[in-house]
Amino acid sequence: MTDQRPAPAAPAAGLRERKKRRTRDALLRAALLLFVSQGYEKTTVDEITDAVDVSQRTFFRYFANKEEVAFAVQDLVESHFVAALRARPDAEGPLEAMRNAVLASWDTIGEAIAEVVPVDLYMRTYRLIESTPALLAVHLRRSTELEERISLLIASREGLDVDADPRPRVAVAAFSGVMRVTGRLWGQGEDASVAAIRRMTEAYLDQIGPALASDWR
């Protein structure tokens, strides 16, 4: 008769994964709290690990450096948007699909963020990125990489070769430009809520068509 006793290993493996997730999330929360309270550049890895009572070795098991921590939740937000864009109906045009995807993302991202860090902490971190030169430079580089990823997705939706037809990259550039403007203006405002950036994003995206009109008078 075959001995089936090793089977309970699966729950133990699941417990280990949950513990690792809790440790990663604790490091992330501690890092972001320190970043927004005393500044990104002034915060050290030692301060982050001391706040969680773990070693530097543990920190580097989850994150390559401070930069990766600073953008960890942004990675989640961007992946959420890309998934929403993939799910848009084929009948929607490129700009319509991107508009609807980003608005749908803002409607649902709060819950996904809250599983990792408080939503207000993410919003404060976003503002920190916009106001910290070193992080802003990384943010712009990452935005360029995301634009290319979205351009490929739009081209695939439309059955186009992105290198032969410039329209996917042009449409994404227009969309991304609006997103950068609204992010910057929101970061300078007094309302740091998800609702505020969603309202501003919708209002500005709705002006892409009029702004491209030949006559503004």
N, C-alpha and C. Protein backbone atom coordinates (compact mmCIF):
# COMPACT_ATOMS: atom_id res chain seq x y z
N MET A 1 0.86 -1.21 0.00
CA MET A 1 0.00 0.00 0.00
C MET A 1 0.88 1.24 0.00
N THR A 2 0.53 2.22 -0.82
CA THR A 2 1.33 3.44 -0.93
C THR A 2 1.12 4.35 0.28
N ASP A 3 2.20 4.84 0.84
CA ASP A 3 2.11 5.75 2.00
C ASP A 3 1.79 7.16 1.51
N GLN A 4 0.67 7.75 1.94
CA GLN A 4 0.24 9.07 1.49
C GLN A 4 0.60 10.17 2.48
N ARG A 5 1.41 9.88 3.51
CA ARG A 5 1.68 10.86 4.57
C ARG A 5 2.33 12.16 4.11
N PRO A 6 3.15 12.23 3.06
CA PRO A 6 3.76 13.51 2.65
C PRO A 6 2.76 14.56 2.17
N ALA A 7 1.50 14.20 1.91
CA ALA A 7 0.54 15.14 1.32
C ALA A 7 0.39 16.46 2.09
N PRO A 8 0.42 16.49 3.44
CA PRO A 8 0.22 17.76 4.16
C PRO A 8 1.27 18.82 3.91
N ALA A 9 2.28 18.57 3.09
CA ALA A 9 3.33 19.57 2.82
C ALA A 9 2.75 20.82 2.16
N ALA A 10 1.68 20.69 1.38
CA ALA A 10 1.12 21.83 0.66
C ALA A 10 0.68 22.95 1.60
N PRO A 11 -0.10 22.69 2.67
CA PRO A 11 -0.45 23.77 3.59
C PRO A 11 0.76 24.43 4.22
N ALA A 12 1.81 23.64 4.52
CA ALA A 12 3.02 24.22 5.09
C ALA A 12 3.67 25.18 4.11
N ALA A 13 3.69 24.78 2.82
CA ALA A 13 4.26 25.65 1.80
C ALA A 13 3.45 26.93 1.68
N GLY A 14 2.11 26.81 1.77
CA GLY A 14 1.26 27.99 1.71
C GLY A 14 1.50 28.91 2.88
N LEU A 15 1.75 28.36 4.05
CA LEU A 15 2.04 29.16 5.24
C LEU A 15 3.34 29.93 5.07
N ARG A 16 4.34 29.28 4.48
CA ARG A 16 5.62 29.96 4.24
C ARG A 16 5.44 31.12 3.28
N GLU A 17 4.64 30.91 2.23
CA GLU A 17 4.41 31.99 1.26
C GLU A 17 3.69 33.17 1.89
N ARG A 18 2.72 32.88 2.75
CA ARG A 18 2.00 33.97 3.44
C ARG A 18 2.93 34.73 4.37
N LYS A 19 3.82 34.03 5.03
CA LYS A 19 4.78 34.68 5.92
C LYS A 19 5.72 35.58 5.12
N LYS A 20 6.18 35.07 3.98
CA LYS A 20 7.05 35.88 3.12
C LYS A 20 6.33 37.12 2.62
N ARG A 21 5.05 36.95 2.26
CA ARG A 21 4.26 38.09 1.79
C ARG A 21 4.10 39.13 2.90
N ARG A 22 3.84 38.67 4.11
CA ARG A 22 3.70 39.61 5.23
C ARG A 22 4.99 40.37 5.49
N THR A 23 6.11 39.67 5.39
CA THR A 23 7.41 40.34 5.61
C THR A 23 7.66 41.37 4.52
N ARG A 24 7.40 41.02 3.27
CA ARG A 24 7.59 41.96 2.16
C ARG A 24 6.70 43.18 2.33
N ASP A 25 5.43 42.95 2.66
CA ASP A 25 4.50 44.07 2.82
C ASP A 25 4.90 44.96 3.98
N ALA A 26 5.41 44.36 5.06
CA ALA A 26 5.84 45.14 6.21
C ALA A 26 7.04 46.02 5.85
N LEU A 27 7.98 45.47 5.10
CA LEU A 27 9.13 46.25 4.64
C LEU A 27 8.68 47.38 3.72
N LEU A 28 7.74 47.09 2.85
CA LEU A 28 7.23 48.10 1.92
C LEU A 28 6.55 49.23 2.67
N ARG A 29 5.68 48.90 3.60
CA ARG A 29 4.98 49.94 4.38
C ARG A 29 5.96 50.79 5.17
N ALA A 30 6.91 50.13 5.82
CA ALA A 30 7.89 50.86 6.62
C ALA A 30 8.71 51.80 5.75
N ALA A 31 9.14 51.32 4.59
CA ALA A 31 9.95 52.14 3.69
C ALA A 31 9.17 53.36 3.21
N LEU A 32 7.94 53.15 2.76
CA LEU A 32 7.16 54.26 2.23
C LEU A 32 6.85 55.28 3.32
N LEU A 33 6.57 54.82 4.52
CA LEU A 33 6.32 55.75 5.64
C LEU A 33 7.55 56.60 5.91
N LEU A 34 8.72 55.98 5.88
CA LEU A 34 9.96 56.73 6.10
C LEU A 34 10.22 57.68 4.94
N PHE A 35 9.98 57.24 3.72
CA PHE A 35 10.20 58.10 2.56
C PHE A 35 9.36 59.37 2.64
N VAL A 36 8.07 59.23 2.95
CA VAL A 36 7.19 60.40 2.95
C VAL A 36 7.37 61.27 4.18
N SER A 37 7.90 60.69 5.26
CA SER A 37 8.04 61.47 6.49
C SER A 37 9.37 62.21 6.57
N GLN A 38 10.44 61.61 6.03
CA GLN A 38 11.74 62.25 6.16
C GLN A 38 12.49 62.42 4.84
N GLY A 39 11.90 61.92 3.74
CA GLY A 39 12.53 62.07 2.44
C GLY A 39 13.14 60.77 1.96
N TYR A 40 13.11 60.57 0.65
CA TYR A 40 13.64 59.33 0.06
C TYR A 40 15.15 59.23 0.25
N GLU A 41 15.86 60.28 -0.09
CA GLU A 41 17.32 60.22 -0.07
C GLU A 41 17.88 60.14 1.34
N LYS A 42 17.15 60.66 2.32
CA LYS A 42 17.63 60.62 3.70
C LYS A 42 17.39 59.27 4.38
N THR A 43 16.52 58.47 3.79
CA THR A 43 16.17 57.18 4.39
C THR A 43 17.19 56.12 3.99
N THR A 44 17.65 55.36 4.97
CA THR A 44 18.61 54.29 4.72
C THR A 44 17.93 52.93 4.81
N VAL A 45 18.57 51.94 4.21
CA VAL A 45 18.06 50.58 4.31
C VAL A 45 18.07 50.12 5.76
N ASP A 46 19.07 50.55 6.53
CA ASP A 46 19.13 50.18 7.94
C ASP A 46 17.90 50.67 8.69
N GLU A 47 17.45 51.89 8.39
CA GLU A 47 16.27 52.43 9.06
C GLU A 47 15.03 51.62 8.70
N ILE A 48 14.96 51.19 7.47
CA ILE A 48 13.81 50.39 7.03
C ILE A 48 13.79 49.05 7.75
N THR A 49 14.94 48.39 7.79
CA THR A 49 14.99 47.07 8.42
C THR A 49 14.81 47.17 9.93
N ASP A 50 15.32 48.24 10.53
CA ASP A 50 15.12 48.43 11.97
C ASP A 50 13.64 48.60 12.31
N ALA A 51 12.92 49.27 11.42
CA ALA A 51 11.49 49.51 11.67
C ALA A 51 10.69 48.21 11.66
N VAL A 52 11.20 47.21 10.94
CA VAL A 52 10.50 45.92 10.84
C VAL A 52 11.17 44.86 11.69
N ASP A 53 12.34 45.20 12.23
CA ASP A 53 13.12 44.29 13.06
C ASP A 53 13.56 43.05 12.28
N VAL A 54 14.13 43.32 11.09
CA VAL A 54 14.72 42.25 10.29
C VAL A 54 16.11 42.69 9.86
N SER A 55 16.83 41.79 9.24
CA SER A 55 18.19 42.08 8.81
C SER A 55 18.22 42.71 7.42
N GLN A 56 19.37 43.31 7.07
CA GLN A 56 19.55 43.82 5.71
C GLN A 56 19.43 42.68 4.71
N ARG A 57 19.92 41.53 5.09
CA ARG A 57 19.85 40.37 4.19
C ARG A 57 18.40 40.06 3.83
N THR A 58 17.53 40.18 4.82
CA THR A 58 16.11 39.95 4.56
C THR A 58 15.56 40.99 3.60
N PHE A 59 15.94 42.26 3.79
CA PHE A 59 15.49 43.32 2.88
C PHE A 59 15.87 43.00 1.45
N PHE A 60 17.13 42.65 1.23
CA PHE A 60 17.61 42.41 -0.13
C PHE A 60 17.10 41.09 -0.71
N ARG A 61 16.48 40.29 0.12
CA ARG A 61 15.83 39.08 -0.38
C ARG A 61 14.55 39.45 -1.15
N TYR A 62 13.97 40.60 -0.79
CA TYR A 62 12.71 41.02 -1.39
C TYR A 62 12.87 42.19 -2.37
N PHE A 63 13.85 43.05 -2.14
CA PHE A 63 14.02 44.24 -2.96
C PHE A 63 15.49 44.42 -3.32
N ALA A 64 15.75 44.80 -4.55
CA ALA A 64 17.13 44.99 -4.99
C ALA A 64 17.74 46.25 -4.38
N ASN A 65 16.91 47.28 -4.15
CA ASN A 65 17.39 48.55 -3.63
C ASN A 65 16.19 49.41 -3.21
N LYS A 66 16.47 50.63 -2.73
CA LYS A 66 15.39 51.53 -2.30
C LYS A 66 14.49 51.93 -3.45
N GLU A 67 15.07 52.09 -4.62
CA GLU A 67 14.28 52.50 -5.78
C GLU A 67 13.18 51.49 -6.08
N GLU A 68 13.52 50.22 -5.99
CA GLU A 68 12.53 49.19 -6.26
C GLU A 68 11.39 49.25 -5.26
N VAL A 69 11.70 49.58 -4.00
CA VAL A 69 10.66 49.72 -2.98
C VAL A 69 9.76 50.90 -3.32
N ALA A 70 10.37 52.02 -3.70
CA ALA A 70 9.61 53.24 -3.97
C ALA A 70 8.59 53.04 -5.08
N PHE A 71 8.90 52.16 -6.04
CA PHE A 71 8.01 51.97 -7.18
C PHE A 71 7.23 50.66 -7.12
N ALA A 72 7.29 49.96 -6.01
CA ALA A 72 6.63 48.66 -5.91
C ALA A 72 5.12 48.77 -6.10
N VAL A 73 4.49 49.74 -5.46
CA VAL A 73 3.04 49.87 -5.59
C VAL A 73 2.69 50.44 -6.97
N GLN A 74 3.56 51.30 -7.50
CA GLN A 74 3.33 51.82 -8.84
C GLN A 74 3.33 50.68 -9.86
N ASP A 75 4.19 49.69 -9.65
CA ASP A 75 4.18 48.50 -10.51
C ASP A 75 2.81 47.84 -10.50
N LEU A 76 2.24 47.75 -9.30
CA LEU A 76 0.91 47.14 -9.15
C LEU A 76 -0.14 47.95 -9.91
N VAL A 77 -0.08 49.27 -9.76
CA VAL A 77 -1.05 50.16 -10.43
C VAL A 77 -0.93 50.03 -11.94
N GLU A 78 0.30 50.03 -12.46
CA GLU A 78 0.49 49.93 -13.90
C GLU A 78 0.03 48.59 -14.44
N SER A 79 0.30 47.52 -13.71
CA SER A 79 -0.15 46.19 -14.14
C SER A 79 -1.67 46.12 -14.14
N HIS A 80 -2.30 46.79 -13.17
CA HIS A 80 -3.75 46.84 -13.08
C HIS A 80 -4.32 47.54 -14.31
N PHE A 81 -3.69 48.63 -14.72
CA PHE A 81 -4.15 49.35 -15.91
C PHE A 81 -3.98 48.51 -17.17
N VAL A 82 -2.83 47.89 -17.33
CA VAL A 82 -2.59 47.08 -18.53
C VAL A 82 -3.61 45.94 -18.61
N ALA A 83 -3.91 45.33 -17.48
CA ALA A 83 -4.90 44.25 -17.47
C ALA A 83 -6.28 44.79 -17.86
N ALA A 84 -6.61 45.99 -17.36
CA ALA A 84 -7.90 46.61 -17.71
C ALA A 84 -7.96 46.93 -19.20
N LEU A 85 -6.83 47.37 -19.76
CA LEU A 85 -6.79 47.69 -21.19
C LEU A 85 -6.97 46.42 -22.03
N ARG A 86 -6.32 45.35 -21.62
CA ARG A 86 -6.47 44.07 -22.34
C ARG A 86 -7.94 43.62 -22.35
N ALA A 87 -8.66 43.98 -21.31
CA ALA A 87 -10.04 43.51 -21.16
C ALA A 87 -11.06 44.38 -21.89
N ARG A 88 -10.63 45.52 -22.44
CA ARG A 88 -11.60 46.39 -23.12
C ARG A 88 -12.14 45.72 -24.39
N PRO A 89 -13.39 46.00 -24.72
CA PRO A 89 -13.99 45.39 -25.93
C PRO A 89 -13.23 45.78 -27.20
N ASP A 90 -13.17 44.87 -28.15
CA ASP A 90 -12.46 45.12 -29.40
C ASP A 90 -13.07 46.28 -30.19
N ALA A 91 -14.36 46.53 -29.97
CA ALA A 91 -15.04 47.57 -30.73
C ALA A 91 -14.57 48.98 -30.34
N GLU A 92 -13.96 49.13 -29.19
CA GLU A 92 -13.48 50.45 -28.75
C GLU A 92 -12.22 50.83 -29.52
N GLY A 93 -12.16 52.08 -29.94
CA GLY A 93 -10.94 52.58 -30.58
C GLY A 93 -9.83 52.72 -29.56
N PRO A 94 -8.59 52.94 -30.02
CA PRO A 94 -7.44 53.00 -29.11
C PRO A 94 -7.58 54.03 -27.98
N LEU A 95 -7.90 55.28 -28.30
CA LEU A 95 -8.00 56.29 -27.25
C LEU A 95 -9.18 56.03 -26.33
N GLU A 96 -10.27 55.56 -26.90
CA GLU A 96 -11.44 55.23 -26.08
C GLU A 96 -11.12 54.09 -25.12
N ALA A 97 -10.42 53.08 -25.62
CA ALA A 97 -10.05 51.93 -24.79
C ALA A 97 -9.12 52.35 -23.66
N MET A 98 -8.13 53.19 -23.97
CA MET A 98 -7.20 53.64 -22.93
C MET A 98 -7.91 54.50 -21.90
N ARG A 99 -8.79 55.40 -22.37
CA ARG A 99 -9.55 56.24 -21.45
C ARG A 99 -10.40 55.40 -20.51
N ASN A 100 -11.17 54.48 -21.07
CA ASN A 100 -12.05 53.65 -20.25
C ASN A 100 -11.26 52.73 -19.32
N ALA A 101 -10.11 52.26 -19.79
CA ALA A 101 -9.29 51.39 -18.95
C ALA A 101 -8.72 52.13 -17.75
N VAL A 102 -8.23 53.34 -17.96
CA VAL A 102 -7.63 54.06 -16.83
C VAL A 102 -8.68 54.50 -15.84
N LEU A 103 -9.86 54.89 -16.31
CA LEU A 103 -10.93 55.27 -15.39
C LEU A 103 -11.44 54.05 -14.62
N ALA A 104 -11.56 52.93 -15.30
CA ALA A 104 -11.97 51.70 -14.61
C ALA A 104 -10.91 51.29 -13.58
N SER A 105 -9.66 51.52 -13.92
CA SER A 105 -8.57 51.18 -12.98
C SER A 105 -8.67 52.02 -11.72
N TRP A 106 -8.91 53.33 -11.88
CA TRP A 106 -9.04 54.19 -10.70
C TRP A 106 -10.24 53.79 -9.86
N ASP A 107 -11.27 53.21 -10.48
CA ASP A 107 -12.46 52.80 -9.74
C ASP A 107 -12.20 51.56 -8.88
N THR A 108 -11.23 50.74 -9.29
CA THR A 108 -11.03 49.46 -8.62
C THR A 108 -9.66 49.28 -7.97
N ILE A 109 -8.72 50.18 -8.26
CA ILE A 109 -7.35 49.97 -7.79
C ILE A 109 -7.22 50.12 -6.29
N GLY A 110 -8.12 50.90 -5.67
CA GLY A 110 -8.01 51.13 -4.23
C GLY A 110 -7.97 49.85 -3.43
N GLU A 111 -8.81 48.91 -3.79
CA GLU A 111 -8.85 47.64 -3.07
C GLU A 111 -7.54 46.87 -3.23
N ALA A 112 -7.00 46.88 -4.45
CA ALA A 112 -5.75 46.16 -4.70
C ALA A 112 -4.59 46.79 -3.93
N ILE A 113 -4.56 48.13 -3.90
CA ILE A 113 -3.50 48.82 -3.17
C ILE A 113 -3.62 48.53 -1.68
N ALA A 114 -4.86 48.59 -1.17
CA ALA A 114 -5.10 48.43 0.27
C ALA A 114 -4.65 47.06 0.79
N GLU A 115 -4.56 46.08 -0.09
CA GLU A 115 -4.07 44.78 0.33
C GLU A 115 -2.58 44.81 0.66
N VAL A 116 -1.90 45.87 0.17
CA VAL A 116 -0.45 45.97 0.38
C VAL A 116 -0.11 47.09 1.35
N VAL A 117 -0.61 48.29 1.06
CA VAL A 117 -0.35 49.46 1.92
C VAL A 117 -1.63 50.30 1.98
N PRO A 118 -1.77 51.17 2.97
CA PRO A 118 -2.92 52.08 2.97
C PRO A 118 -2.93 52.94 1.70
N VAL A 119 -4.12 53.17 1.14
CA VAL A 119 -4.23 53.91 -0.11
C VAL A 119 -3.65 55.31 0.02
N ASP A 120 -3.89 55.97 1.16
CA ASP A 120 -3.37 57.33 1.33
C ASP A 120 -1.86 57.35 1.35
N LEU A 121 -1.24 56.26 1.82
CA LEU A 121 0.22 56.18 1.82
C LEU A 121 0.73 56.07 0.39
N TYR A 122 0.05 55.31 -0.45
CA TYR A 122 0.45 55.24 -1.86
C TYR A 122 0.32 56.60 -2.51
N MET A 123 -0.78 57.30 -2.27
CA MET A 123 -0.99 58.60 -2.89
C MET A 123 0.09 59.59 -2.45
N ARG A 124 0.47 59.54 -1.18
CA ARG A 124 1.55 60.41 -0.69
C ARG A 124 2.88 60.03 -1.33
N THR A 125 3.08 58.74 -1.56
CA THR A 125 4.31 58.29 -2.22
C THR A 125 4.36 58.77 -3.66
N TYR A 126 3.20 58.74 -4.34
CA TYR A 126 3.13 59.23 -5.72
C TYR A 126 3.54 60.70 -5.77
N ARG A 127 3.06 61.47 -4.82
CA ARG A 127 3.44 62.88 -4.77
C ARG A 127 4.93 63.04 -4.48
N LEU A 128 5.45 62.17 -3.63
CA LEU A 128 6.89 62.20 -3.32
C LEU A 128 7.70 61.95 -4.58
N ILE A 129 7.28 60.98 -5.39
CA ILE A 129 7.98 60.67 -6.63
C ILE A 129 8.01 61.90 -7.54
N GLU A 130 6.86 62.57 -7.65
CA GLU A 130 6.76 63.74 -8.51
C GLU A 130 7.64 64.90 -8.04
N SER A 131 7.95 64.95 -6.75
CA SER A 131 8.70 66.08 -6.20
C SER A 131 10.15 65.76 -5.85
N THR A 132 10.58 64.53 -6.10
CA THR A 132 11.96 64.13 -5.80
C THR A 132 12.71 63.92 -7.12
N PRO A 133 13.68 64.77 -7.46
CA PRO A 133 14.35 64.68 -8.77
C PRO A 133 14.85 63.29 -9.13
N ALA A 134 15.50 62.61 -8.17
CA ALA A 134 16.04 61.29 -8.48
C ALA A 134 14.94 60.29 -8.82
N LEU A 135 13.84 60.36 -8.10
CA LEU A 135 12.72 59.45 -8.36
C LEU A 135 11.95 59.86 -9.61
N LEU A 136 11.84 61.16 -9.85
CA LEU A 136 11.13 61.64 -11.04
C LEU A 136 11.84 61.18 -12.30
N ALA A 137 13.17 61.20 -12.29
CA ALA A 137 13.93 60.74 -13.45
C ALA A 137 13.65 59.26 -13.72
N VAL A 138 13.59 58.47 -12.67
CA VAL A 138 13.28 57.05 -12.82
C VAL A 138 11.85 56.88 -13.31
N HIS A 139 10.95 57.70 -12.78
CA HIS A 139 9.54 57.64 -13.16
C HIS A 139 9.38 57.92 -14.65
N LEU A 140 10.10 58.89 -15.18
CA LEU A 140 10.01 59.22 -16.60
C LEU A 140 10.56 58.09 -17.46
N ARG A 141 11.66 57.49 -17.00
CA ARG A 141 12.20 56.34 -17.75
C ARG A 141 11.22 55.17 -17.75
N ARG A 142 10.65 54.90 -16.61
CA ARG A 142 9.68 53.82 -16.51
C ARG A 142 8.45 54.12 -17.37
N SER A 143 8.05 55.40 -17.42
CA SER A 143 6.89 55.79 -18.23
C SER A 143 7.15 55.52 -19.71
N THR A 144 8.37 55.78 -20.14
CA THR A 144 8.73 55.51 -21.54
C THR A 144 8.64 54.02 -21.84
N GLU A 145 9.11 53.20 -20.92
CA GLU A 145 9.04 51.75 -21.09
C GLU A 145 7.58 51.28 -21.12
N LEU A 146 6.75 51.88 -20.24
CA LEU A 146 5.34 51.51 -20.21
C LEU A 146 4.64 51.93 -21.49
N GLU A 147 5.00 53.09 -22.01
CA GLU A 147 4.41 53.56 -23.27
C GLU A 147 4.66 52.55 -24.40
N GLU A 148 5.86 52.03 -24.47
CA GLU A 148 6.18 51.05 -25.52
C GLU A 148 5.37 49.78 -25.32
N ARG A 149 5.22 49.38 -24.09
CA ARG A 149 4.43 48.18 -23.79
C ARG A 149 2.97 48.38 -24.21
N ILE A 150 2.43 49.55 -23.92
CA ILE A 150 1.05 49.84 -24.29
C ILE A 150 0.91 49.97 -25.81
N SER A 151 1.91 50.59 -26.44
CA SER A 151 1.88 50.71 -27.90
C SER A 151 1.80 49.35 -28.58
N LEU A 152 2.56 48.40 -28.09
CA LEU A 152 2.52 47.05 -28.64
C LEU A 152 1.15 46.42 -28.42
N LEU A 153 0.57 46.69 -27.26
CA LEU A 153 -0.76 46.14 -26.97
C LEU A 153 -1.81 46.75 -27.89
N ILE A 154 -1.76 48.07 -28.07
CA ILE A 154 -2.71 48.75 -28.96
C ILE A 154 -2.54 48.24 -30.40
N ALA A 155 -1.30 48.12 -30.84
CA ALA A 155 -1.05 47.62 -32.19
C ALA A 155 -1.63 46.23 -32.37
N SER A 156 -1.47 45.39 -31.36
CA SER A 156 -2.00 44.03 -31.42
C SER A 156 -3.53 44.05 -31.49
N ARG A 157 -4.16 44.93 -30.69
CA ARG A 157 -5.62 45.06 -30.72
C ARG A 157 -6.12 45.45 -32.11
N GLU A 158 -5.36 46.32 -32.77
CA GLU A 158 -5.78 46.85 -34.07
C GLU A 158 -5.24 46.04 -35.24
N GLY A 159 -4.46 45.01 -34.97
CA GLY A 159 -3.90 44.19 -36.05
C GLY A 159 -2.86 44.92 -36.86
N LEU A 160 -2.04 45.75 -36.18
CA LEU A 160 -1.05 46.58 -36.88
C LEU A 160 0.37 46.18 -36.50
N ASP A 161 1.30 46.51 -37.37
CA ASP A 161 2.73 46.38 -37.08
C ASP A 161 3.20 47.71 -36.51
N VAL A 162 3.57 47.71 -35.24
CA VAL A 162 3.90 48.97 -34.56
C VAL A 162 5.09 49.67 -35.20
N ASP A 163 5.95 48.93 -35.87
CA ASP A 163 7.12 49.54 -36.49
C ASP A 163 6.83 50.07 -37.89
N ALA A 164 5.73 49.59 -38.49
CA ALA A 164 5.37 50.04 -39.83
C ALA A 164 4.30 51.13 -39.80
N ASP A 165 3.50 51.15 -38.73
CA ASP A 165 2.41 52.11 -38.61
C ASP A 165 2.63 52.94 -37.35
N PRO A 166 2.83 54.26 -37.46
CA PRO A 166 3.14 55.08 -36.29
C PRO A 166 1.95 55.38 -35.39
N ARG A 167 0.75 55.07 -35.82
CA ARG A 167 -0.44 55.50 -35.08
C ARG A 167 -0.52 54.96 -33.65
N PRO A 168 -0.18 53.69 -33.39
CA PRO A 168 -0.24 53.24 -31.99
C PRO A 168 0.66 54.05 -31.06
N ARG A 169 1.89 54.33 -31.48
CA ARG A 169 2.80 55.09 -30.63
C ARG A 169 2.34 56.54 -30.49
N VAL A 170 1.78 57.11 -31.55
CA VAL A 170 1.29 58.49 -31.49
C VAL A 170 0.11 58.58 -30.51
N ALA A 171 -0.82 57.64 -30.61
CA ALA A 171 -1.98 57.65 -29.72
C ALA A 171 -1.56 57.47 -28.27
N VAL A 172 -0.64 56.56 -28.04
CA VAL A 172 -0.17 56.31 -26.67
C VAL A 172 0.61 57.51 -26.14
N ALA A 173 1.37 58.17 -27.01
CA ALA A 173 2.11 59.36 -26.58
C ALA A 173 1.15 60.46 -26.13
N ALA A 174 0.05 60.64 -26.88
CA ALA A 174 -0.95 61.64 -26.50
C ALA A 174 -1.59 61.28 -25.16
N PHE A 175 -1.97 60.03 -25.02
CA PHE A 175 -2.57 59.56 -23.77
C PHE A 175 -1.60 59.72 -22.60
N SER A 176 -0.37 59.27 -22.78
CA SER A 176 0.62 59.33 -21.71
C SER A 176 0.95 60.77 -21.33
N GLY A 177 0.96 61.66 -22.32
CA GLY A 177 1.21 63.07 -22.02
C GLY A 177 0.14 63.64 -21.10
N VAL A 178 -1.11 63.30 -21.38
CA VAL A 178 -2.20 63.74 -20.52
C VAL A 178 -2.04 63.17 -19.11
N MET A 179 -1.66 61.91 -19.02
CA MET A 179 -1.49 61.28 -17.71
C MET A 179 -0.39 61.95 -16.91
N ARG A 180 0.70 62.33 -17.58
CA ARG A 180 1.79 63.00 -16.87
C ARG A 180 1.36 64.39 -16.39
N VAL A 181 0.61 65.11 -17.23
CA VAL A 181 0.14 66.44 -16.85
C VAL A 181 -0.80 66.36 -15.65
N THR A 182 -1.77 65.44 -15.71
CA THR A 182 -2.72 65.34 -14.61
C THR A 182 -2.03 64.88 -13.32
N GLY A 183 -1.06 63.97 -13.45
CA GLY A 183 -0.33 63.53 -12.26
C GLY A 183 0.43 64.67 -11.62
N ARG A 184 1.06 65.50 -12.45
CA ARG A 184 1.82 66.63 -11.91
C ARG A 184 0.90 67.66 -11.26
N LEU A 185 -0.20 67.99 -11.93
CA LEU A 185 -1.12 68.99 -11.39
C LEU A 185 -1.80 68.48 -10.12
N TRP A 186 -2.18 67.22 -10.13
CA TRP A 186 -2.78 66.63 -8.93
C TRP A 186 -1.79 66.68 -7.77
N GLY A 187 -0.52 66.38 -8.07
CA GLY A 187 0.50 66.40 -7.02
C GLY A 187 0.72 67.78 -6.42
N GLN A 188 0.39 68.82 -7.16
CA GLN A 188 0.55 70.18 -6.68
C GLN A 188 -0.70 70.70 -5.96
N GLY A 189 -1.79 69.95 -6.05
CA GLY A 189 -3.05 70.39 -5.46
C GLY A 189 -3.17 70.02 -3.99
N GLU A 190 -4.32 70.35 -3.43
CA GLU A 190 -4.55 70.11 -2.01
C GLU A 190 -5.29 68.80 -1.75
N ASP A 191 -6.01 68.30 -2.74
CA ASP A 191 -6.79 67.06 -2.57
C ASP A 191 -5.96 65.87 -3.03
N ALA A 192 -5.53 65.05 -2.09
CA ALA A 192 -4.65 63.92 -2.41
C ALA A 192 -5.41 62.61 -2.55
N SER A 193 -6.69 62.68 -2.86
CA SER A 193 -7.51 61.47 -2.92
C SER A 193 -7.48 60.82 -4.30
N VAL A 194 -7.85 59.53 -4.32
CA VAL A 194 -8.00 58.83 -5.59
C VAL A 194 -9.10 59.48 -6.43
N ALA A 195 -10.17 59.89 -5.76
CA ALA A 195 -11.29 60.51 -6.46
C ALA A 195 -10.84 61.78 -7.19
N ALA A 196 -9.96 62.55 -6.56
CA ALA A 196 -9.50 63.81 -7.16
C ALA A 196 -8.69 63.56 -8.42
N ILE A 197 -7.77 62.61 -8.38
CA ILE A 197 -6.96 62.36 -9.57
C ILE A 197 -7.80 61.70 -10.66
N ARG A 198 -8.81 60.93 -10.27
CA ARG A 198 -9.69 60.33 -11.27
C ARG A 198 -10.49 61.41 -11.98
N ARG A 199 -11.03 62.36 -11.22
CA ARG A 199 -11.81 63.45 -11.83
C ARG A 199 -10.95 64.26 -12.79
N MET A 200 -9.74 64.58 -12.36
CA MET A 200 -8.86 65.38 -13.20
C MET A 200 -8.46 64.59 -14.45
N THR A 201 -8.17 63.31 -14.28
CA THR A 201 -7.79 62.48 -15.42
C THR A 201 -8.91 62.43 -16.45
N GLU A 202 -10.14 62.22 -15.99
CA GLU A 202 -11.28 62.16 -16.91
C GLU A 202 -11.46 63.48 -17.65
N ALA A 203 -11.39 64.59 -16.91
CA ALA A 203 -11.59 65.90 -17.52
C ALA A 203 -10.54 66.20 -18.58
N TYR A 204 -9.29 65.85 -18.31
CA TYR A 204 -8.21 66.13 -19.26
C TYR A 204 -8.23 65.18 -20.45
N LEU A 205 -8.54 63.91 -20.21
CA LEU A 205 -8.62 62.97 -21.33
C LEU A 205 -9.73 63.37 -22.30
N ASP A 206 -10.80 63.93 -21.77
CA ASP A 206 -11.91 64.35 -22.63
C ASP A 206 -11.55 65.55 -23.50
N GLN A 207 -10.40 66.17 -23.23
CA GLN A 207 -9.98 67.32 -24.02
C GLN A 207 -8.98 66.96 -25.12
N ILE A 208 -8.61 65.68 -25.24
CA ILE A 208 -7.65 65.30 -26.28
C ILE A 208 -8.19 65.65 -27.66
N GLY A 209 -9.45 65.27 -27.92
CA GLY A 209 -10.04 65.55 -29.23
C GLY A 209 -10.09 67.04 -29.54
N PRO A 210 -10.68 67.86 -28.66
CA PRO A 210 -10.70 69.31 -28.91
C PRO A 210 -9.31 69.92 -29.04
N ALA A 211 -8.35 69.42 -28.28
CA ALA A 211 -7.00 69.99 -28.34
C ALA A 211 -6.33 69.69 -29.67
N LEU A 212 -6.74 68.61 -30.33
CA LEU A 212 -6.15 68.25 -31.62
C LEU A 212 -6.88 68.90 -32.80
N ALA A 213 -7.95 69.61 -32.52
CA ALA A 213 -8.69 70.29 -33.58
C ALA A 213 -7.83 71.37 -34.20
N SER A 214 -8.03 71.64 -35.48
CA SER A 214 -7.18 72.59 -36.18
C SER A 214 -7.47 74.04 -35.79
N ASP A 215 -8.68 74.32 -35.36
CA ASP A 215 -9.06 75.69 -35.03
C ASP A 215 -9.57 75.74 -33.60
N TRP A 216 -8.87 76.47 -32.71
CA TRP A 216 -9.26 76.57 -31.31
C TRP A 216 -10.17 77.77 -31.04
N ARG A 217 -10.36 78.60 -32.02
CA ARG A 217 -11.14 79.82 -31.79
C ARG A 217 -12.65 79.54 -31.91
